[in-house]
Structures are given as structure tokens and as C-alpha cells.
Protein backbone atom coordinates (compact mmCIF):
# COMPACT_ATOMS: atom_id res chain seq x y z
CA MET A 1 44.07 -93.50 62.30
CA ASN A 2 46.45 -90.61 62.16
CA SER A 3 47.02 -87.82 64.68
CA ARG A 4 45.17 -85.24 62.53
CA PHE A 5 42.03 -87.42 62.58
CA ILE A 6 42.23 -87.86 66.38
CA ARG A 7 42.84 -84.13 66.90
CA THR A 8 39.82 -83.30 64.73
CA VAL A 9 37.47 -85.82 66.33
CA CYS A 10 38.51 -84.90 69.88
CA ASN A 11 38.77 -81.19 69.07
CA LEU A 12 42.34 -80.95 70.42
CA SER A 13 44.98 -78.37 69.58
CA GLU A 14 48.47 -79.48 68.55
CA ILE A 15 49.79 -78.52 71.99
CA GLU A 16 47.09 -80.53 73.78
CA MET A 17 47.81 -83.50 71.54
CA ALA A 18 51.55 -83.20 72.21
CA CYS A 19 50.89 -83.11 75.97
CA ILE A 20 48.75 -86.24 75.76
CA VAL A 21 51.41 -88.08 73.75
CA ALA A 22 54.14 -86.94 76.18
CA GLY A 23 52.06 -88.11 79.15
CA LEU A 24 51.46 -91.52 77.58
CA LEU A 25 55.16 -91.86 76.78
CA LEU A 26 56.09 -90.97 80.36
CA ALA A 27 53.57 -93.50 81.73
CA PHE A 28 54.98 -96.18 79.43
CA CYS A 29 58.54 -95.43 80.61
CA VAL A 30 57.57 -95.59 84.29
CA ILE A 31 55.74 -98.89 83.83
CA THR A 32 58.67 -100.35 81.88
CA ILE A 33 61.26 -99.28 84.46
CA ASN A 34 59.18 -100.64 87.35
CA SER A 35 58.82 -103.96 85.54
CA LEU A 36 62.55 -104.50 85.18
CA PRO A 37 64.23 -106.91 87.57
CA THR A 38 66.10 -104.82 90.11
CA CYS A 39 68.30 -107.43 91.77
CA PRO A 40 70.52 -109.69 89.68
CA LYS A 41 71.52 -113.05 91.17
CA ASP A 42 74.97 -111.82 92.16
CA ALA A 43 73.81 -108.45 93.54
CA CYS A 44 74.98 -109.21 97.08
CA ASN A 45 78.50 -110.19 95.98
CA THR A 46 79.60 -106.56 95.82
CA VAL A 47 77.65 -105.19 98.79
CA LYS A 48 79.53 -104.49 102.02
CA CYS A 49 77.11 -104.64 104.91
CA VAL A 50 77.51 -102.79 108.16
CA GLY A 51 74.54 -104.24 109.90
CA PRO A 52 73.17 -103.99 113.39
CA ASN A 53 74.20 -106.39 116.10
CA HIS A 54 71.90 -107.76 118.76
CA ASP A 55 72.84 -104.94 121.15
CA ASP A 56 71.53 -102.38 118.63
CA CYS A 57 68.18 -104.09 118.36
CA LYS A 58 66.88 -104.50 121.93
CA LYS A 59 63.71 -102.41 121.98
CA PRO A 60 60.31 -104.13 122.29
CA ASN A 61 58.97 -105.61 119.04
CA GLN A 62 62.38 -105.36 117.31
CA GLU A 63 64.09 -108.09 115.36
CA ILE A 64 67.05 -108.35 113.02
CA ILE A 65 65.84 -109.32 109.53
CA ARG A 66 67.16 -109.21 105.98
CA GLY A 67 66.57 -105.85 104.35
CA GLY A 68 68.25 -103.08 102.42
CA ARG A 69 68.86 -103.18 98.70
CA CYS A 70 68.08 -106.66 97.36
CA ASN A 71 67.85 -107.98 100.95
CA CYS A 72 71.64 -108.35 101.04
CA CYS A 73 72.16 -106.96 104.55
CA PHE A 74 70.47 -107.17 107.90
CA VAL A 75 68.44 -104.33 109.45
CA CYS A 76 66.88 -103.77 112.84
CA TYR A 77 63.15 -103.94 112.07
CA THR A 78 60.41 -102.73 114.42
CA TYR A 79 56.98 -104.37 114.27
CA LEU A 80 54.27 -101.77 114.91
CA ASP A 81 51.09 -102.32 116.93
CA GLU A 82 47.59 -101.21 116.00
CA ASN A 83 47.17 -97.40 115.83
CA GLU A 84 50.94 -96.78 115.74
CA THR A 85 52.25 -94.42 113.07
CA CYS A 86 53.46 -96.19 109.92
CA HIS A 87 54.80 -95.17 106.52
CA PHE A 88 54.26 -96.48 103.00
CA HIS A 89 57.62 -97.39 101.44
CA LEU A 90 58.34 -96.86 97.79
CA LEU A 91 60.92 -98.56 95.58
CA GLY A 92 64.47 -98.10 96.76
CA ASP A 93 63.40 -97.15 100.24
CA THR A 94 64.64 -99.46 103.00
CA PRO A 95 61.91 -99.89 105.60
CA THR A 96 62.98 -100.29 109.22
CA SER A 97 59.45 -100.66 110.57
CA GLY A 98 56.08 -102.00 109.53
CA CYS A 99 52.75 -103.12 110.88
CA LYS A 100 52.51 -106.46 112.69
CA SER A 101 50.87 -109.45 111.05
CA GLY A 102 47.14 -108.92 110.52
CA LEU A 103 47.57 -105.14 110.32
CA THR A 104 48.09 -102.86 107.34
CA CYS A 105 49.29 -99.28 107.01
CA ARG A 106 46.36 -97.05 106.06
CA ASN A 107 46.41 -93.25 106.24
CA GLY A 108 49.61 -93.33 108.29
CA LYS A 109 48.31 -95.70 111.01
CA CYS A 110 48.46 -99.47 111.49
CA VAL A 111 44.90 -100.79 111.31
CA LYS A 112 43.31 -104.23 111.20
CA ARG A 113 43.39 -105.70 107.74
CA THR A 114 39.94 -106.02 106.22
CA ARG A 115 38.93 -108.62 103.71
CA THR A 116 38.10 -107.43 100.24
CA LEU A 117 35.93 -109.35 97.82
């Protein structure tokens, strides 16, 4: 099949066809980039951490855990209770809080995790 055949069958203009191809190419690039390994084995060798100490992490439900880029450094992490405000973290974002075990972040609030079939 060539592009002229597809354009004719789908009744698309050249501009619409170009937009579709550009969108597919962009989607392919995003999927490819997200599939790449982001942390080589020696990633932490060049990272200088300035992490929290135990005095910085004294609030209720806080704990020092590995975090940051490639989990090289330690961060003060706060475990959130049910109905507390939470945030969804994307790639590259270093979370400093998250819902406690058994909870999940849905619509900006920690809620009980439900089973899905």
C-alpha cells in the first residue's frame, strides 16, 4: 500500500496525512526513549550526594530512603495516610512523598487500593 492509496481510501488531504505520519513518528520516538535504560551500572560513581541526615527527617511518617536519579542518594521520604494529598511522579522527577502501603494516589488523594480483575 502506498500513501496515495491510503489518502484516497480514507479521504484525507496531504496535510492531514502528513499530520498523521508526524503524530505516529512522535509516538514512536516517545516510546523508544522511554524504553531505553536510564541508569547505567556505574551511574552513581559520578554523583555527589548531599543527602539529609536524621535531624532533617524527624516528622511523623518520615524515613530516609534511597531516591533521586538512579537511586544513588538518600532522600527524606514522607509516607502519606489515607485522604492526604499526593502527586503522580513522572520520569526524572524525584518523589519525596507517597501513599503508605495498601494505598494508591488517585485524583490527587491517597485512597485504598482496589483489586482489579
